[in-house]
Amino acid sequence: MGDPPPEQSPGHSKPEWRLPSWNKIGEFVVIVMRLERSVETLREDNQKLQEQVSRLQRQVDDQAGQLKVLVSFVHTSLRDQVDTRAERAAIGVFERLIAFKSEENPEGQR
């Protein structure tokens, strides 16, 4: 019952497998539980971030649509202004041509 373990010679020491202490097992369980909690927290954070990204994407899409409408309006307005100015310039050219021809051929010299 109280027999001491047999002495081994220093040259033939054989590593002995031992059960980990309760302390080590407890530390391991605590670490695993912390990791599980961390993973769950990361999943929740990821879900919240995905929802925020989706909400932001919808806002960006809405603003892009509004921007397209504004750009279309500006292009149409500018095109109308350019057309109006071109028309006025053409009318001015024709008026000058008519005035120039009138000066060359007065009505009395026909």
PDB file of N, CA and C in Angstrom:
ATOM      1  N   MET A   1       0.799  -1.176   0.000  1.00  0.00           N
ATOM      2  CA  MET A   1       0.000   0.000   0.000  1.00  0.00           C
ATOM      3  C   MET A   1       0.853   1.255   0.000  1.00  0.00           C
ATOM      4  N   GLY A   2       1.778   1.390   0.782  1.00  0.00           N
ATOM      5  CA  GLY A   2       2.639   2.544   0.842  1.00  0.00           C
ATOM      6  C   GLY A   2       3.961   2.300   0.172  1.00  0.00           C
ATOM      7  N   ASP A   3       3.991   1.389  -0.811  1.00  0.00           N
ATOM      8  CA  ASP A   3       5.255   1.094  -1.485  1.00  0.00           C
ATOM      9  C   ASP A   3       5.676   2.278  -2.339  1.00  0.00           C
ATOM     10  N   PRO A   4       6.941   2.675  -2.207  1.00  0.00           N
ATOM     11  CA  PRO A   4       7.433   3.754  -3.062  1.00  0.00           C
ATOM     12  C   PRO A   4       7.571   3.260  -4.488  1.00  0.00           C
ATOM     13  N   PRO A   5       7.453   4.162  -5.457  1.00  0.00           N
ATOM     14  CA  PRO A   5       7.599   3.749  -6.854  1.00  0.00           C
ATOM     15  C   PRO A   5       9.011   3.240  -7.089  1.00  0.00           C
ATOM     16  N   PRO A   6       9.133   2.276  -7.969  1.00  0.00           N
ATOM     17  CA  PRO A   6      10.480   1.744  -8.212  1.00  0.00           C
ATOM     18  C   PRO A   6      11.377   2.816  -8.803  1.00  0.00           C
ATOM     19  N   GLU A   7      12.605   2.822  -8.368  1.00  0.00           N
ATOM     20  CA  GLU A   7      13.597   3.796  -8.824  1.00  0.00           C
ATOM     21  C   GLU A   7      14.063   3.397 -10.211  1.00  0.00           C
ATOM     22  N   GLN A   8      14.169   4.392 -11.078  1.00  0.00           N
ATOM     23  CA  GLN A   8      14.659   4.118 -12.421  1.00  0.00           C
ATOM     24  C   GLN A   8      16.049   4.690 -12.539  1.00  0.00           C
ATOM     25  N   SER A   9      16.809   4.083 -13.379  1.00  0.00           N
ATOM     26  CA  SER A   9      18.165   4.593 -13.565  1.00  0.00           C
ATOM     27  C   SER A   9      18.109   5.880 -14.358  1.00  0.00           C
ATOM     28  N   PRO A  10      19.056   6.793 -14.127  1.00  0.00           N
ATOM     29  CA  PRO A  10      19.019   8.096 -14.798  1.00  0.00           C
ATOM     30  C   PRO A  10      19.072   7.986 -16.320  1.00  0.00           C
ATOM     31  N   GLY A  11      19.653   7.018 -16.893  1.00  0.00           N
ATOM     32  CA  GLY A  11      19.774   6.910 -18.341  1.00  0.00           C
ATOM     33  C   GLY A  11      18.506   6.419 -19.005  1.00  0.00           C
ATOM     34  N   HIS A  12      17.602   5.804 -18.283  1.00  0.00           N
ATOM     35  CA  HIS A  12      16.400   5.213 -18.878  1.00  0.00           C
ATOM     36  C   HIS A  12      15.134   5.850 -18.336  1.00  0.00           C
ATOM     37  N   SER A  13      15.110   7.168 -18.230  1.00  0.00           N
ATOM     38  CA  SER A  13      13.897   7.815 -17.719  1.00  0.00           C
ATOM     39  C   SER A  13      12.830   7.798 -18.807  1.00  0.00           C
ATOM     40  N   LYS A  14      11.712   7.321 -18.471  1.00  0.00           N
ATOM     41  CA  LYS A  14      10.605   7.164 -19.405  1.00  0.00           C
ATOM     42  C   LYS A  14       9.556   8.207 -19.039  1.00  0.00           C
ATOM     43  N   PRO A  15       9.112   9.079 -20.045  1.00  0.00           N
ATOM     44  CA  PRO A  15       8.102  10.074 -19.689  1.00  0.00           C
ATOM     45  C   PRO A  15       6.821   9.364 -19.267  1.00  0.00           C
ATOM     46  N   GLU A  16       6.252   9.884 -18.244  1.00  0.00           N
ATOM     47  CA  GLU A  16       5.066   9.256 -17.685  1.00  0.00           C
ATOM     48  C   GLU A  16       3.854  10.108 -18.025  1.00  0.00           C
ATOM     49  N   TRP A  17       2.794   9.482 -18.530  1.00  0.00           N
ATOM     50  CA  TRP A  17       1.580  10.213 -18.878  1.00  0.00           C
ATOM     51  C   TRP A  17       0.787  10.424 -17.606  1.00  0.00           C
ATOM     52  N   ARG A  18       0.359  11.665 -17.427  1.00  0.00           N
ATOM     53  CA  ARG A  18      -0.417  11.987 -16.230  1.00  0.00           C
ATOM     54  C   ARG A  18      -1.704  12.659 -16.644  1.00  0.00           C
ATOM     55  N   LEU A  19      -2.714  12.502 -15.880  1.00  0.00           N
ATOM     56  CA  LEU A  19      -3.954  13.233 -16.105  1.00  0.00           C
ATOM     57  C   LEU A  19      -3.717  14.695 -15.771  1.00  0.00           C
ATOM     58  N   PRO A  20      -4.277  15.593 -16.601  1.00  0.00           N
ATOM     59  CA  PRO A  20      -4.107  17.001 -16.260  1.00  0.00           C
ATOM     60  C   PRO A  20      -4.814  17.301 -14.937  1.00  0.00           C
ATOM     61  N   SER A  21      -4.295  18.294 -14.279  1.00  0.00           N
ATOM     62  CA  SER A  21      -4.883  18.663 -12.996  1.00  0.00           C
ATOM     63  C   SER A  21      -6.249  19.310 -13.227  1.00  0.00           C
ATOM     64  N   TRP A  22      -7.065  19.329 -12.188  1.00  0.00           N
ATOM     65  CA  TRP A  22      -8.388  19.938 -12.280  1.00  0.00           C
ATOM     66  C   TRP A  22      -8.257  21.418 -12.626  1.00  0.00           C
ATOM     67  N   ASN A  23      -7.214  22.013 -12.154  1.00  0.00           N
ATOM     68  CA  ASN A  23      -6.960  23.422 -12.457  1.00  0.00           C
ATOM     69  C   ASN A  23      -6.815  23.632 -13.966  1.00  0.00           C
ATOM     70  N   LYS A  24      -6.005  22.780 -14.598  1.00  0.00           N
ATOM     71  CA  LYS A  24      -5.770  22.900 -16.047  1.00  0.00           C
ATOM     72  C   LYS A  24      -7.062  22.617 -16.828  1.00  0.00           C
ATOM     73  N   ILE A  25      -7.820  21.629 -16.380  1.00  0.00           N
ATOM     74  CA  ILE A  25      -9.080  21.314 -17.053  1.00  0.00           C
ATOM     75  C   ILE A  25     -10.039  22.495 -16.926  1.00  0.00           C
ATOM     76  N   GLY A  26     -10.106  23.084 -15.760  1.00  0.00           N
ATOM     77  CA  GLY A  26     -10.967  24.251 -15.546  1.00  0.00           C
ATOM     78  C   GLY A  26     -10.547  25.413 -16.428  1.00  0.00           C
ATOM     79  N   GLU A  27      -9.245  25.672 -16.546  1.00  0.00           N
ATOM     80  CA  GLU A  27      -8.750  26.757 -17.403  1.00  0.00           C
ATOM     81  C   GLU A  27      -9.142  26.496 -18.860  1.00  0.00           C
ATOM     82  N   PHE A  28      -8.993  25.248 -19.284  1.00  0.00           N
ATOM     83  CA  PHE A  28      -9.327  24.886 -20.657  1.00  0.00           C
ATOM     84  C   PHE A  28     -10.816  25.118 -20.929  1.00  0.00           C
ATOM     85  N   VAL A  29     -11.662  24.698 -20.015  1.00  0.00           N
ATOM     86  CA  VAL A  29     -13.111  24.877 -20.181  1.00  0.00           C
ATOM     87  C   VAL A  29     -13.459  26.359 -20.232  1.00  0.00           C
ATOM     88  N   VAL A  30     -12.836  27.158 -19.374  1.00  0.00           N
ATOM     89  CA  VAL A  30     -13.091  28.607 -19.362  1.00  0.00           C
ATOM     90  C   VAL A  30     -12.668  29.219 -20.692  1.00  0.00           C
ATOM     91  N   ILE A  31     -11.523  28.813 -21.214  1.00  0.00           N
ATOM     92  CA  ILE A  31     -11.033  29.352 -22.487  1.00  0.00           C
ATOM     93  C   ILE A  31     -11.987  28.984 -23.621  1.00  0.00           C
ATOM     94  N   VAL A  32     -12.454  27.731 -23.636  1.00  0.00           N
ATOM     95  CA  VAL A  32     -13.387  27.297 -24.675  1.00  0.00           C
ATOM     96  C   VAL A  32     -14.687  28.086 -24.583  1.00  0.00           C
ATOM     97  N   MET A  33     -15.177  28.300 -23.374  1.00  0.00           N
ATOM     98  CA  MET A  33     -16.411  29.061 -23.211  1.00  0.00           C
ATOM     99  C   MET A  33     -16.239  30.509 -23.672  1.00  0.00           C
ATOM    100  N   ARG A  34     -15.089  31.108 -23.371  1.00  0.00           N
ATOM    101  CA  ARG A  34     -14.824  32.479 -23.832  1.00  0.00           C
ATOM    102  C   ARG A  34     -14.786  32.536 -25.348  1.00  0.00           C
ATOM    103  N   LEU A  35     -14.144  31.544 -25.953  1.00  0.00           N
ATOM    104  CA  LEU A  35     -14.084  31.509 -27.417  1.00  0.00           C
ATOM    105  C   LEU A  35     -15.474  31.376 -28.022  1.00  0.00           C
ATOM    106  N   GLU A  36     -16.299  30.520 -27.444  1.00  0.00           N
ATOM    107  CA  GLU A  36     -17.661  30.371 -27.952  1.00  0.00           C
ATOM    108  C   GLU A  36     -18.443  31.676 -27.821  1.00  0.00           C
ATOM    109  N   ARG A  37     -18.279  32.349 -26.699  1.00  0.00           N
ATOM    110  CA  ARG A  37     -18.954  33.628 -26.493  1.00  0.00           C
ATOM    111  C   ARG A  37     -18.449  34.666 -27.496  1.00  0.00           C
ATOM    112  N   SER A  38     -17.137  34.668 -27.724  1.00  0.00           N
ATOM    113  CA  SER A  38     -16.568  35.615 -28.691  1.00  0.00           C
ATOM    114  C   SER A  38     -17.094  35.355 -30.093  1.00  0.00           C
ATOM    115  N   VAL A  39     -17.177  34.089 -30.470  1.00  0.00           N
ATOM    116  CA  VAL A  39     -17.688  33.746 -31.796  1.00  0.00           C
ATOM    117  C   VAL A  39     -19.142  34.186 -31.925  1.00  0.00           C
ATOM    118  N   GLU A  40     -19.925  33.956 -30.913  1.00  0.00           N
ATOM    119  CA  GLU A  40     -21.337  34.364 -30.949  1.00  0.00           C
ATOM    120  C   GLU A  40     -21.462  35.887 -31.046  1.00  0.00           C
ATOM    121  N   THR A  41     -20.633  36.596 -30.294  1.00  0.00           N
ATOM    122  CA  THR A  41     -20.639  38.065 -30.352  1.00  0.00           C
ATOM    123  C   THR A  41     -20.250  38.537 -31.748  1.00  0.00           C
ATOM    124  N   LEU A  42     -19.248  37.901 -32.340  1.00  0.00           N
ATOM    125  CA  LEU A  42     -18.838  38.271 -33.694  1.00  0.00           C
ATOM    126  C   LEU A  42     -19.953  37.999 -34.700  1.00  0.00           C
ATOM    127  N   ARG A  43     -20.674  36.910 -34.531  1.00  0.00           N
ATOM    128  CA  ARG A  43     -21.796  36.621 -35.435  1.00  0.00           C
ATOM    129  C   ARG A  43     -22.874  37.694 -35.316  1.00  0.00           C
ATOM    130  N   GLU A  44     -23.192  38.082 -34.096  1.00  0.00           N
ATOM    131  CA  GLU A  44     -24.206  39.124 -33.893  1.00  0.00           C
ATOM    132  C   GLU A  44     -23.742  40.446 -34.503  1.00  0.00           C
ATOM    133  N   ASP A  45     -22.478  40.806 -34.259  1.00  0.00           N
ATOM    134  CA  ASP A  45     -21.933  42.045 -34.829  1.00  0.00           C
ATOM    135  C   ASP A  45     -21.963  41.996 -36.355  1.00  0.00           C
ATOM    136  N   ASN A  46     -21.619  40.843 -36.910  1.00  0.00           N
ATOM    137  CA  ASN A  46     -21.618  40.687 -38.358  1.00  0.00           C
ATOM    138  C   ASN A  46     -23.029  40.867 -38.908  1.00  0.00           C
ATOM    139  N   GLN A  47     -24.011  40.304 -38.240  1.00  0.00           N
ATOM    140  CA  GLN A  47     -25.403  40.442 -38.679  1.00  0.00           C
ATOM    141  C   GLN A  47     -25.832  41.911 -38.647  1.00  0.00           C
ATOM    142  N   LYS A  48     -25.482  42.619 -37.570  1.00  0.00           N
ATOM    143  CA  LYS A  48     -25.829  44.039 -37.466  1.00  0.00           C
ATOM    144  C   LYS A  48     -25.158  44.838 -38.575  1.00  0.00           C
ATOM    145  N   LEU A  49     -23.880  44.534 -38.843  1.00  0.00           N
ATOM    146  CA  LEU A  49     -23.160  45.247 -39.896  1.00  0.00           C
ATOM    147  C   LEU A  49     -23.768  44.960 -41.268  1.00  0.00           C
ATOM    148  N   GLN A  50     -24.176  43.717 -41.495  1.00  0.00           N
ATOM    149  CA  GLN A  50     -24.825  43.382 -42.771  1.00  0.00           C
ATOM    150  C   GLN A  50     -26.106  44.187 -42.958  1.00  0.00           C
ATOM    151  N   GLU A  51     -26.876  44.323 -41.876  1.00  0.00           N
ATOM    152  CA  GLU A  51     -28.110  45.114 -41.951  1.00  0.00           C
ATOM    153  C   GLU A  51     -27.799  46.578 -42.234  1.00  0.00           C
ATOM    154  N   GLN A  52     -26.764  47.107 -41.587  1.00  0.00           N
ATOM    155  CA  GLN A  52     -26.387  48.506 -41.828  1.00  0.00           C
ATOM    156  C   GLN A  52     -25.916  48.698 -43.267  1.00  0.00           C
ATOM    157  N   VAL A  53     -25.142  47.753 -43.776  1.00  0.00           N
ATOM    158  CA  VAL A  53     -24.665  47.849 -45.160  1.00  0.00           C
ATOM    159  C   VAL A  53     -25.843  47.818 -46.123  1.00  0.00           C
ATOM    160  N   SER A  54     -26.811  46.948 -45.850  1.00  0.00           N
ATOM    161  CA  SER A  54     -27.994  46.883 -46.714  1.00  0.00           C
ATOM    162  C   SER A  54     -28.764  48.204 -46.682  1.00  0.00           C
ATOM    163  N   ARG A  55     -28.931  48.771 -45.498  1.00  0.00           N
ATOM    164  CA  ARG A  55     -29.641  50.046 -45.364  1.00  0.00           C
ATOM    165  C   ARG A  55     -28.882  51.155 -46.100  1.00  0.00           C
ATOM    166  N   LEU A  56     -27.572  51.187 -45.937  1.00  0.00           N
ATOM    167  CA  LEU A  56     -26.770  52.203 -46.623  1.00  0.00           C
ATOM    168  C   LEU A  56     -26.818  52.011 -48.141  1.00  0.00           C
ATOM    169  N   GLN A  57     -26.822  50.759 -48.587  1.00  0.00           N
ATOM    170  CA  GLN A  57     -26.893  50.501 -50.023  1.00  0.00           C
ATOM    171  C   GLN A  57     -28.211  51.004 -50.598  1.00  0.00           C
ATOM    172  N   ARG A  58     -29.300  50.811 -49.853  1.00  0.00           N
ATOM    173  CA  ARG A  58     -30.595  51.325 -50.312  1.00  0.00           C
ATOM    174  C   ARG A  58     -30.559  52.848 -50.402  1.00  0.00           C
ATOM    175  N   GLN A  59     -29.946  53.498 -49.408  1.00  0.00           N
ATOM    176  CA  GLN A  59     -29.853  54.964 -49.429  1.00  0.00           C
ATOM    177  C   GLN A  59     -29.028  55.430 -50.622  1.00  0.00           C
ATOM    178  N   VAL A  60     -27.916  54.745 -50.877  1.00  0.00           N
ATOM    179  CA  VAL A  60     -27.068  55.102 -52.018  1.00  0.00           C
ATOM    180  C   VAL A  60     -27.841  54.924 -53.322  1.00  0.00           C
ATOM    181  N   ASP A  61     -28.583  53.832 -53.421  1.00  0.00           N
ATOM    182  CA  ASP A  61     -29.381  53.610 -54.640  1.00  0.00           C
ATOM    183  C   ASP A  61     -30.431  54.697 -54.814  1.00  0.00           C
ATOM    184  N   ASP A  62     -31.092  55.086 -53.721  1.00  0.00           N
ATOM    185  CA  ASP A  62     -32.089  56.167 -53.794  1.00  0.00           C
ATOM    186  C   ASP A  62     -31.439  57.473 -54.246  1.00  0.00           C
ATOM    187  N   GLN A  63     -30.296  57.791 -53.649  1.00  0.00           N
ATOM    188  CA  GLN A  63     -29.625  59.037 -54.013  1.00  0.00           C
ATOM    189  C   GLN A  63     -29.110  58.983 -55.446  1.00  0.00           C
ATOM    190  N   ALA A  64     -28.669  57.810 -55.889  1.00  0.00           N
ATOM    191  CA  ALA A  64     -28.215  57.681 -57.280  1.00  0.00           C
ATOM    192  C   ALA A  64     -29.383  57.923 -58.229  1.00  0.00           C
ATOM    193  N   GLY A  65     -30.563  57.410 -57.872  1.00  0.00           N
ATOM    194  CA  GLY A  65     -31.743  57.650 -58.700  1.00  0.00           C
ATOM    195  C   GLY A  65     -32.094  59.122 -58.753  1.00  0.00           C
ATOM    196  N   GLN A  66     -32.035  59.778 -57.600  1.00  0.00           N
ATOM    197  CA  GLN A  66     -32.318  61.219 -57.562  1.00  0.00           C
ATOM    198  C   GLN A  66     -31.293  61.990 -58.378  1.00  0.00           C
ATOM    199  N   LEU A  67     -30.052  61.568 -58.294  1.00  0.00           N
ATOM    200  CA  LEU A  67     -28.987  62.240 -59.042  1.00  0.00           C
ATOM    201  C   LEU A  67     -29.205  62.076 -60.544  1.00  0.00           C
ATOM    202  N   LYS A  68     -29.647  60.893 -60.968  1.00  0.00           N
ATOM    203  CA  LYS A  68     -29.928  60.687 -62.396  1.00  0.00           C
ATOM    204  C   LYS A  68     -31.016  61.635 -62.875  1.00  0.00           C
ATOM    205  N   VAL A  69     -32.054  61.802 -62.046  1.00  0.00           N
ATOM    206  CA  VAL A  69     -33.136  62.716 -62.416  1.00  0.00           C
ATOM    207  C   VAL A  69     -32.602  64.141 -62.536  1.00  0.00           C
ATOM    208  N   LEU A  70     -31.787  64.561 -61.566  1.00  0.00           N
ATOM    209  CA  LEU A  70     -31.227  65.921 -61.605  1.00  0.00           C
ATOM    210  C   LEU A  70     -30.314  66.111 -62.816  1.00  0.00           C
ATOM    211  N   VAL A  71     -29.478  65.130 -63.097  1.00  0.00           N
ATOM    212  CA  VAL A  71     -28.571  65.232 -64.244  1.00  0.00           C
ATOM    213  C   VAL A  71     -29.376  65.318 -65.536  1.00  0.00           C
ATOM    214  N   SER A  72     -30.416  64.509 -65.638  1.00  0.00           N
ATOM    215  CA  SER A  72     -31.271  64.554 -66.828  1.00  0.00           C
ATOM    216  C   SER A  72     -31.914  65.931 -66.971  1.00  0.00           C
ATOM    217  N   PHE A  73     -32.400  66.470 -65.851  1.00  0.00           N
ATOM    218  CA  PHE A  73     -33.017  67.803 -65.876  1.00  0.00           C
ATOM    219  C   PHE A  73     -32.014  68.861 -66.333  1.00  0.00           C
ATOM    220  N   VAL A  74     -30.811  68.825 -65.770  1.00  0.00           N
ATOM    221  CA  VAL A  74     -29.783  69.810 -66.134  1.00  0.00           C
ATOM    222  C   VAL A  74     -29.408  69.677 -67.599  1.00  0.00           C
ATOM    223  N   HIS A  75     -29.250  68.436 -68.078  1.00  0.00           N
ATOM    224  CA  HIS A  75     -28.892  68.244 -69.492  1.00  0.00           C
ATOM    225  C   HIS A  75     -29.991  68.782 -70.400  1.00  0.00           C
ATOM    226  N   THR A  76     -31.231  68.487 -70.046  1.00  0.00           N
ATOM    227  CA  THR A  76     -32.353  68.977 -70.858  1.00  0.00           C
ATOM    228  C   THR A  76     -32.382  70.499 -70.853  1.00  0.00           C
ATOM    229  N   SER A  77     -32.204  71.091 -69.684  1.00  0.00           N
ATOM    230  CA  SER A  77     -32.215  72.549 -69.571  1.00  0.00           C
ATOM    231  C   SER A  77     -31.077  73.164 -70.381  1.00  0.00           C
ATOM    232  N   LEU A  78     -29.892  72.596 -70.251  1.00  0.00           N
ATOM    233  CA  LEU A  78     -28.750  73.123 -71.008  1.00  0.00           C
ATOM    234  C   LEU A  78     -28.967  72.955 -72.506  1.00  0.00           C
ATOM    235  N   ARG A  79     -29.486  71.803 -72.895  1.00  0.00           N
ATOM    236  CA  ARG A  79     -29.746  71.565 -74.314  1.00  0.00           C
ATOM    237  C   ARG A  79     -30.747  72.591 -74.844  1.00  0.00           C
ATOM    238  N   ASP A  80     -31.786  72.868 -74.066  1.00  0.00           N
ATOM    239  CA  ASP A  80     -32.781  73.865 -74.484  1.00  0.00           C
ATOM    240  C   ASP A  80     -32.144  75.251 -74.597  1.00  0.00           C
ATOM    241  N   GLN A  81     -31.289  75.597 -73.633  1.00  0.00           N
ATOM    242  CA  GLN A  81     -30.620  76.900 -73.690  1.00  0.00           C
ATOM    243  C   GLN A  81     -29.705  76.997 -74.902  1.00  0.00           C
ATOM    244  N   VAL A  82     -28.975  75.923 -75.179  1.00  0.00           N
ATOM    245  CA  VAL A  82     -28.074  75.921 -76.342  1.00  0.00           C
ATOM    246  C   VAL A  82     -28.890  76.044 -77.627  1.00  0.00           C
ATOM    247  N   ASP A  83     -29.996  75.279 -77.695  1.00  0.00           N
ATOM    248  CA  ASP A  83     -30.849  75.361 -78.896  1.00  0.00           C
ATOM    249  C   ASP A  83     -31.404  76.764 -79.085  1.00  0.00           C
ATOM    250  N   THR A  84     -31.850  77.392 -77.995  1.00  0.00           N
ATOM    251  CA  THR A  84     -32.402  78.749 -78.072  1.00  0.00           C
ATOM    252  C   THR A  84     -31.334  79.729 -78.539  1.00  0.00           C
ATOM    253  N   ARG A  85     -30.132  79.626 -77.981  1.00  0.00           N
ATOM    254  CA  ARG A  85     -29.049  80.537 -78.386  1.00  0.00           C
ATOM    255  C   ARG A  85     -28.639  80.301 -79.834  1.00  0.00           C
ATOM    256  N   ALA A  86     -28.589  79.037 -80.237  1.00  0.00           N
ATOM    257  CA  ALA A  86     -28.234  78.734 -81.628  1.00  0.00           C
ATOM    258  C   ALA A  86     -29.289  79.291 -82.578  1.00  0.00           C
ATOM    259  N   GLU A  87     -30.553  79.158 -82.171  1.00  0.00           N
ATOM    260  CA  GLU A  87     -31.640  79.705 -82.995  1.00  0.00           C
ATOM    261  C   GLU A  87     -31.523  81.217 -83.108  1.00  0.00           C
ATOM    262  N   ARG A  88     -31.255  81.888 -81.984  1.00  0.00           N
ATOM    263  CA  ARG A  88     -31.091  83.356 -82.012  1.00  0.00           C
ATOM    264  C   ARG A  88     -29.901  83.750 -82.890  1.00  0.00           C
ATOM    265  N   ALA A  89     -28.807  82.974 -82.767  1.00  0.00           N
ATOM    266  CA  ALA A  89     -27.626  83.284 -83.576  1.00  0.00           C
ATOM    267  C   ALA A  89     -27.936  83.103 -85.057  1.00  0.00           C
ATOM    268  N   ALA A  90     -28.669  82.054 -85.395  1.00  0.00           N
ATOM    269  CA  ALA A  90     -29.029  81.828 -86.805  1.00  0.00           C
ATOM    270  C   ALA A  90     -29.915  82.953 -87.315  1.00  0.00           C
ATOM    271  N   ILE A  91     -30.884  83.369 -86.492  1.00  0.00           N
ATOM    272  CA  ILE A  91     -31.762  84.485 -86.879  1.00  0.00           C
ATOM    273  C   ILE A  91     -30.931  85.750 -87.074  1.00  0.00           C
ATOM    274  N   GLY A  92     -29.977  85.975 -86.165  1.00  0.00           N
ATOM    275  CA  GLY A  92     -29.118  87.158 -86.294  1.00  0.00           C
ATOM    276  C   GLY A  92     -28.304  87.118 -87.576  1.00  0.00           C
ATOM    277  N   VAL A  93     -27.796  85.960 -87.945  1.00  0.00           N
ATOM    278  CA  VAL A  93     -27.024  85.830 -89.191  1.00  0.00           C
ATOM    279  C   VAL A  93     -27.911  86.137 -90.384  1.00  0.00           C
ATOM    280  N   PHE A  94     -29.116  85.562 -90.418  1.00  0.00           N
ATOM    281  CA  PHE A  94     -30.022  85.824 -91.540  1.00  0.00           C
ATOM    282  C   PHE A  94     -30.419  87.288 -91.594  1.00  0.00           C
ATOM    283  N   GLU A  95     -30.636  87.922 -90.434  1.00  0.00           N
ATOM    284  CA  GLU A  95     -30.979  89.352 -90.423  1.00  0.00           C
ATOM    285  C   GLU A  95     -29.834  90.172 -91.003  1.00  0.00           C
ATOM    286  N   ARG A  96     -28.607  89.818 -90.647  1.00  0.00           N
ATOM    287  CA  ARG A  96     -27.457  90.553 -91.195  1.00  0.00           C
ATOM    288  C   ARG A  96     -27.328  90.344 -92.697  1.00  0.00           C
ATOM    289  N   LEU A  97     -27.564  89.082 -93.118  1.00  0.00           N
ATOM    290  CA  LEU A  97     -27.496  88.829 -94.564  1.00  0.00           C
ATOM    291  C   LEU A  97     -28.543  89.646 -95.311  1.00  0.00           C
ATOM    292  N   ILE A  98     -29.738  89.673 -94.761  1.00  0.00           N
ATOM    293  CA  ILE A  98     -30.807  90.458 -95.406  1.00  0.00           C
ATOM    294  C   ILE A  98     -30.442  91.931 -95.403  1.00  0.00           C
ATOM    295  N   ALA A  99     -29.910  92.419 -94.279  1.00  0.00           N
ATOM    296  CA  ALA A  99     -29.522  93.829 -94.200  1.00  0.00           C
ATOM    297  C   ALA A  99     -28.384  94.121 -95.168  1.00  0.00           C
ATOM    298  N   PHE A 100     -27.477  93.208 -95.303  1.00  0.00           N
ATOM    299  CA  PHE A 100     -26.335  93.393 -96.202  1.00  0.00           C
ATOM    300  C   PHE A 100     -26.806  93.429 -97.649  1.00  0.00           C
ATOM    301  N   LYS A 101     -27.703  92.524 -97.990  1.00  0.00           N
ATOM    302  CA  LYS A 101     -28.242  92.497 -99.360  1.00  0.00           C
ATOM    303  C   LYS A 101     -29.048  93.771 -99.641  1.00  0.00           C
ATOM    304  N   SER A 102     -29.780  94.244 -98.624  1.00  0.00           N
ATOM    305  CA  SER A 102     -30.570  95.461 -98.806  1.00  0.00           C
ATOM    306  C   SER A 102     -29.664  96.645 -99.063  1.00  0.00           C
ATOM    307  N   GLU A 103     -28.521  96.680 -98.410  1.00  0.00           N
ATOM    308  CA  GLU A 103     -27.593  97.787 -98.613  1.00  0.00           C
ATOM    309  C   GLU A 103     -26.974  97.719 -99.998  1.00  0.00           C
ATOM    310  N   GLU A 104     -26.738  96.542-100.503  1.00  0.00           N
ATOM    311  CA  GLU A 104     -26.148  96.397-101.847  1.00  0.00           C
ATOM    312  C   GLU A 104     -27.147  96.722-102.938  1.00  0.00           C
ATOM    313  N   ASN A 105     -28.375  96.312-102.745  1.00  0.00           N
ATOM    314  CA  ASN A 105     -29.422  96.531-103.741  1.00  0.00           C
ATOM    315  C   ASN A 105     -30.536  97.378-103.140  1.00  0.00           C
ATOM    316  N   PRO A 106     -30.383  98.676-103.135  1.00  0.00           N
ATOM    317  CA  PRO A 106     -31.476  99.492-102.610  1.00  0.00           C
ATOM    318  C   PRO A 106     -32.707  99.307-103.508  1.00  0.00           C
ATOM    319  N   GLU A 107     -33.865  99.502-102.960  1.00  0.00           N
ATOM    320  CA  GLU A 107     -35.117  99.248-103.666  1.00  0.00           C
ATOM    321  C   GLU A 107     -35.273 100.126-104.900  1.00  0.00           C
ATOM    322  N   GLY A 108     -34.701 101.241-104.876  1.00  0.00           N
ATOM    323  CA  GLY A 108     -34.855 102.150-106.008  1.00  0.00           C
ATOM    324  C   GLY A 108     -33.993 101.767-107.183  1.00  0.00           C
ATOM    325  N   GLN A 109     -33.005 100.855-107.065  1.00  0.00           N
ATOM    326  CA  GLN A 109     -32.087 100.553-108.154  1.00  0.00           C
ATOM    327  C   GLN A 109     -32.454  99.251-108.853  1.00  0.00           C
ATOM    328  N   ARG A 110     -33.572  98.785-108.777  1.00  0.00           N
ATOM    329  CA  ARG A 110     -33.933  97.524-109.418  1.00  0.00           C
ATOM    330  C   ARG A 110     -34.085  97.672-110.853  1.00  0.00           C
TER     331      ARG A 110
END
